[in-house]
C-alpha atoms as a PDB file:
ATOM      1  CA  UNK A   1      -1.226  -1.135  18.310  1.00  0.00           C
ATOM      2  CA  UNK A   2       0.647   2.280  18.201  1.00  0.00           C
ATOM      3  CA  UNK A   3       0.626   4.206  14.866  1.00  0.00           C
ATOM      4  CA  UNK A   4       3.889   4.337  13.001  1.00  0.00           C
ATOM      5  CA  UNK A   5       5.224   1.564  15.302  1.00  0.00           C
ATOM      6  CA  UNK A   6       7.747  -0.522  12.977  1.00  0.00           C
ATOM      7  CA  UNK A   7       7.234  -4.260  12.799  1.00  0.00           C
ATOM      8  CA  UNK A   8      10.679  -5.916  12.575  1.00  0.00           C
ATOM      9  CA  UNK A   9      10.515  -8.416   9.687  1.00  0.00           C
ATOM     10  CA  UNK A  10       6.652  -8.118   9.142  1.00  0.00           C
ATOM     11  CA  UNK A  11       4.862  -6.659   6.374  1.00  0.00           C
ATOM     12  CA  UNK A  12       1.419  -5.022   6.934  1.00  0.00           C
ATOM     13  CA  UNK A  13      -1.125  -4.953   4.240  1.00  0.00           C
ATOM     14  CA  UNK A  14      -3.762  -2.208   4.187  1.00  0.00           C
ATOM     15  CA  UNK A  15      -6.340  -0.824   1.808  1.00  0.00           C
ATOM     16  CA  UNK A  16      -7.202   2.986   1.553  1.00  0.00           C
ATOM     17  CA  UNK A  17     -10.144   4.388  -0.037  1.00  0.00           C
ATOM     18  CA  UNK A  18     -10.623   8.276  -1.422  1.00  0.00           C
ATOM     19  CA  UNK A  19     -11.198  10.307  -4.264  1.00  0.00           C
ATOM     20  CA  UNK A  20      -9.100  13.029  -6.081  1.00  0.00           C
ATOM     21  CA  UNK A  21      -5.123  12.862  -6.436  1.00  0.00           C
ATOM     22  CA  UNK A  22      -3.518   9.995  -4.320  1.00  0.00           C
ATOM     23  CA  UNK A  23      -1.299  11.427  -1.535  1.00  0.00           C
ATOM     24  CA  UNK A  24       1.867  10.055  -2.907  1.00  0.00           C
ATOM     25  CA  UNK A  25       4.017  11.437   0.083  1.00  0.00           C
ATOM     26  CA  UNK A  26       2.028   9.118   2.504  1.00  0.00           C
ATOM     27  CA  UNK A  27       3.959   6.074   1.010  1.00  0.00           C
ATOM     28  CA  UNK A  28       7.043   7.620   2.153  1.00  0.00           C
ATOM     29  CA  UNK A  29       5.646   8.792   5.504  1.00  0.00           C
ATOM     30  CA  UNK A  30       4.062   5.116   5.985  1.00  0.00           C
ATOM     31  CA  UNK A  31       7.046   2.960   4.469  1.00  0.00           C
ATOM     32  CA  UNK A  32       4.429   1.877   1.967  1.00  0.00           C
ATOM     33  CA  UNK A  33       4.441   0.647  -1.566  1.00  0.00           C
ATOM     34  CA  UNK A  34       1.621  -0.522  -3.918  1.00  0.00           C
ATOM     35  CA  UNK A  35       0.554  -4.022  -3.254  1.00  0.00           C
ATOM     36  CA  UNK A  36      -0.169  -4.803  -6.960  1.00  0.00           C
ATOM     37  CA  UNK A  37       0.708  -3.555 -10.443  1.00  0.00           C
ATOM     38  CA  UNK A  38      -2.762  -2.014 -10.718  1.00  0.00           C
ATOM     39  CA  UNK A  39      -2.295  -0.486  -7.519  1.00  0.00           C
ATOM     40  CA  UNK A  40       0.798   1.367  -8.598  1.00  0.00           C
ATOM     41  CA  UNK A  41      -0.997   2.472 -11.832  1.00  0.00           C
ATOM     42  CA  UNK A  42      -3.945   3.892  -9.904  1.00  0.00           C
ATOM     43  CA  UNK A  43      -1.531   5.799  -7.650  1.00  0.00           C
ATOM     44  CA  UNK A  44       0.474   7.213 -10.629  1.00  0.00           C
ATOM     45  CA  UNK A  45      -2.126   8.031 -13.047  1.00  0.00           C
ATOM     46  CA  UNK A  46      -2.152  11.682 -14.127  1.00  0.00           C
ATOM     47  CA  UNK A  47      -6.001  11.581 -15.143  1.00  0.00           C
ATOM     48  CA  UNK A  48      -8.085  13.600 -12.634  1.00  0.00           C
ATOM     49  CA  UNK A  49     -10.164  11.267 -10.529  1.00  0.00           C
ATOM     50  CA  UNK A  50     -12.785  13.693  -9.356  1.00  0.00           C
ATOM     51  CA  UNK A  51     -15.298  12.434 -11.712  1.00  0.00           C
ATOM     52  CA  UNK A  52     -14.562   8.869 -10.754  1.00  0.00           C
ATOM     53  CA  UNK A  53     -15.769   8.946  -7.160  1.00  0.00           C
ATOM     54  CA  UNK A  54     -14.134   6.896  -4.400  1.00  0.00           C
ATOM     55  CA  UNK A  55     -11.357   4.259  -5.262  1.00  0.00           C
ATOM     56  CA  UNK A  56      -9.631   1.811  -3.378  1.00  0.00           C
ATOM     57  CA  UNK A  57      -5.824   1.137  -3.505  1.00  0.00           C
ATOM     58  CA  UNK A  58      -4.188  -1.795  -1.783  1.00  0.00           C
ATOM     59  CA  UNK A  59      -0.705  -1.190  -0.200  1.00  0.00           C
ATOM     60  CA  UNK A  60       2.011  -2.936   1.874  1.00  0.00           C
ATOM     61  CA  UNK A  61       4.058  -1.154   4.391  1.00  0.00           C
ATOM     62  CA  UNK A  62       6.806  -2.015   7.085  1.00  0.00           C
ATOM     63  CA  UNK A  63       4.626  -0.262   9.805  1.00  0.00           C
ATOM     64  CA  UNK A  64       0.874   0.310  10.714  1.00  0.00           C
ATOM     65  CA  UNK A  65      -0.724   2.992   8.683  1.00  0.00           C
ATOM     66  CA  UNK A  66      -1.202   6.425  10.219  1.00  0.00           C
ATOM     67  CA  UNK A  67      -5.012   6.512  10.022  1.00  0.00           C
ATOM     68  CA  UNK A  68      -5.384  10.361  11.014  1.00  0.00           C
ATOM     69  CA  UNK A  69      -2.974  11.443   8.514  1.00  0.00           C
ATOM     70  CA  UNK A  70      -4.686   9.654   5.688  1.00  0.00           C
ATOM     71  CA  UNK A  71      -7.785  11.421   6.856  1.00  0.00           C
ATOM     72  CA  UNK A  72      -6.181  14.833   6.492  1.00  0.00           C
ATOM     73  CA  UNK A  73      -5.715  13.985   2.853  1.00  0.00           C
ATOM     74  CA  UNK A  74      -9.336  12.955   2.393  1.00  0.00           C
ATOM     75  CA  UNK A  75      -8.461   9.154   2.149  1.00  0.00           C
ATOM     76  CA  UNK A  76      -9.453   6.536   4.597  1.00  0.00           C
ATOM     77  CA  UNK A  77      -7.893   3.357   5.828  1.00  0.00           C
ATOM     78  CA  UNK A  78     -10.527   0.862   5.300  1.00  0.00           C
ATOM     79  CA  UNK A  79      -8.649  -2.387   6.368  1.00  0.00           C
ATOM     80  CA  UNK A  80      -5.699  -3.385   7.941  1.00  0.00           C
ATOM     81  CA  UNK A  81      -4.107  -7.047   8.262  1.00  0.00           C
ATOM     82  CA  UNK A  82      -0.538  -8.355   9.030  1.00  0.00           C
ATOM     83  CA  UNK A  83       0.896 -10.678   6.221  1.00  0.00           C
ATOM     84  CA  UNK A  84       1.613 -14.053   7.127  1.00  0.00           C
ATOM     85  CA  UNK A  85       5.180 -14.835   8.363  1.00  0.00           C
ATOM     86  CA  UNK A  86       7.611 -17.722   7.294  1.00  0.00           C
ATOM     87  CA  UNK A  87       7.057 -19.552   4.074  1.00  0.00           C
ATOM     88  CA  UNK A  88       3.542 -18.177   3.473  1.00  0.00           C
ATOM     89  CA  UNK A  89       5.090 -14.650   3.645  1.00  0.00           C
ATOM     90  CA  UNK A  90       7.705 -15.309   1.293  1.00  0.00           C
ATOM     91  CA  UNK A  91       5.152 -16.775  -1.290  1.00  0.00           C
ATOM     92  CA  UNK A  92       3.238 -13.841  -0.933  1.00  0.00           C
ATOM     93  CA  UNK A  93       6.353 -11.753  -1.604  1.00  0.00           C
ATOM     94  CA  UNK A  94       7.374 -13.999  -4.819  1.00  0.00           C
ATOM     95  CA  UNK A  95       3.891 -13.523  -6.162  1.00  0.00           C
ATOM     96  CA  UNK A  96       3.749  -9.929  -5.831  1.00  0.00           C
ATOM     97  CA  UNK A  97       7.381  -9.732  -7.385  1.00  0.00           C
ATOM     98  CA  UNK A  98       6.307 -12.064 -10.404  1.00  0.00           C
ATOM     99  CA  UNK A  99       3.118 -10.173 -11.093  1.00  0.00           C
ATOM    100  CA  UNK A 100       5.299  -6.888 -11.096  1.00  0.00           C
ATOM    101  CA  UNK A 101       7.693  -8.596 -13.497  1.00  0.00           C
ATOM    102  CA  UNK A 102      10.610  -8.438 -10.959  1.00  0.00           C
ATOM    103  CA  UNK A 103      12.914 -11.590 -10.797  1.00  0.00           C
ATOM    104  CA  UNK A 104      15.717 -12.134  -8.163  1.00  0.00           C
ATOM    105  CA  UNK A 105      19.071 -11.136  -9.736  1.00  0.00           C
ATOM    106  CA  UNK A 106      17.624  -9.418 -12.810  1.00  0.00           C
ATOM    107  CA  UNK A 107      18.717  -6.179 -13.636  1.00  0.00           C
END
């Protein structure tokens, strides 16, 4: 599959591993977002991670991650998997929103 190829209506789940500051701009570049609340905290924490060694962050995206670009920031894409379609996909999205504290129609 080609990098940066957009998946109409599909979501790609992937995991990156690295150390140091998380390359925030990669979220925009890969049209990605944290898969869990903890992933969001890990991404945005201001504490230096140099002493923590490698860590993994779970992400979701609307396109394949750009493996070479992640590597250029010192982060490695260690797994990629499409999320299910249909009802199973909707359940995954609802569970993620619920764990993040979001509800449809809530302001």
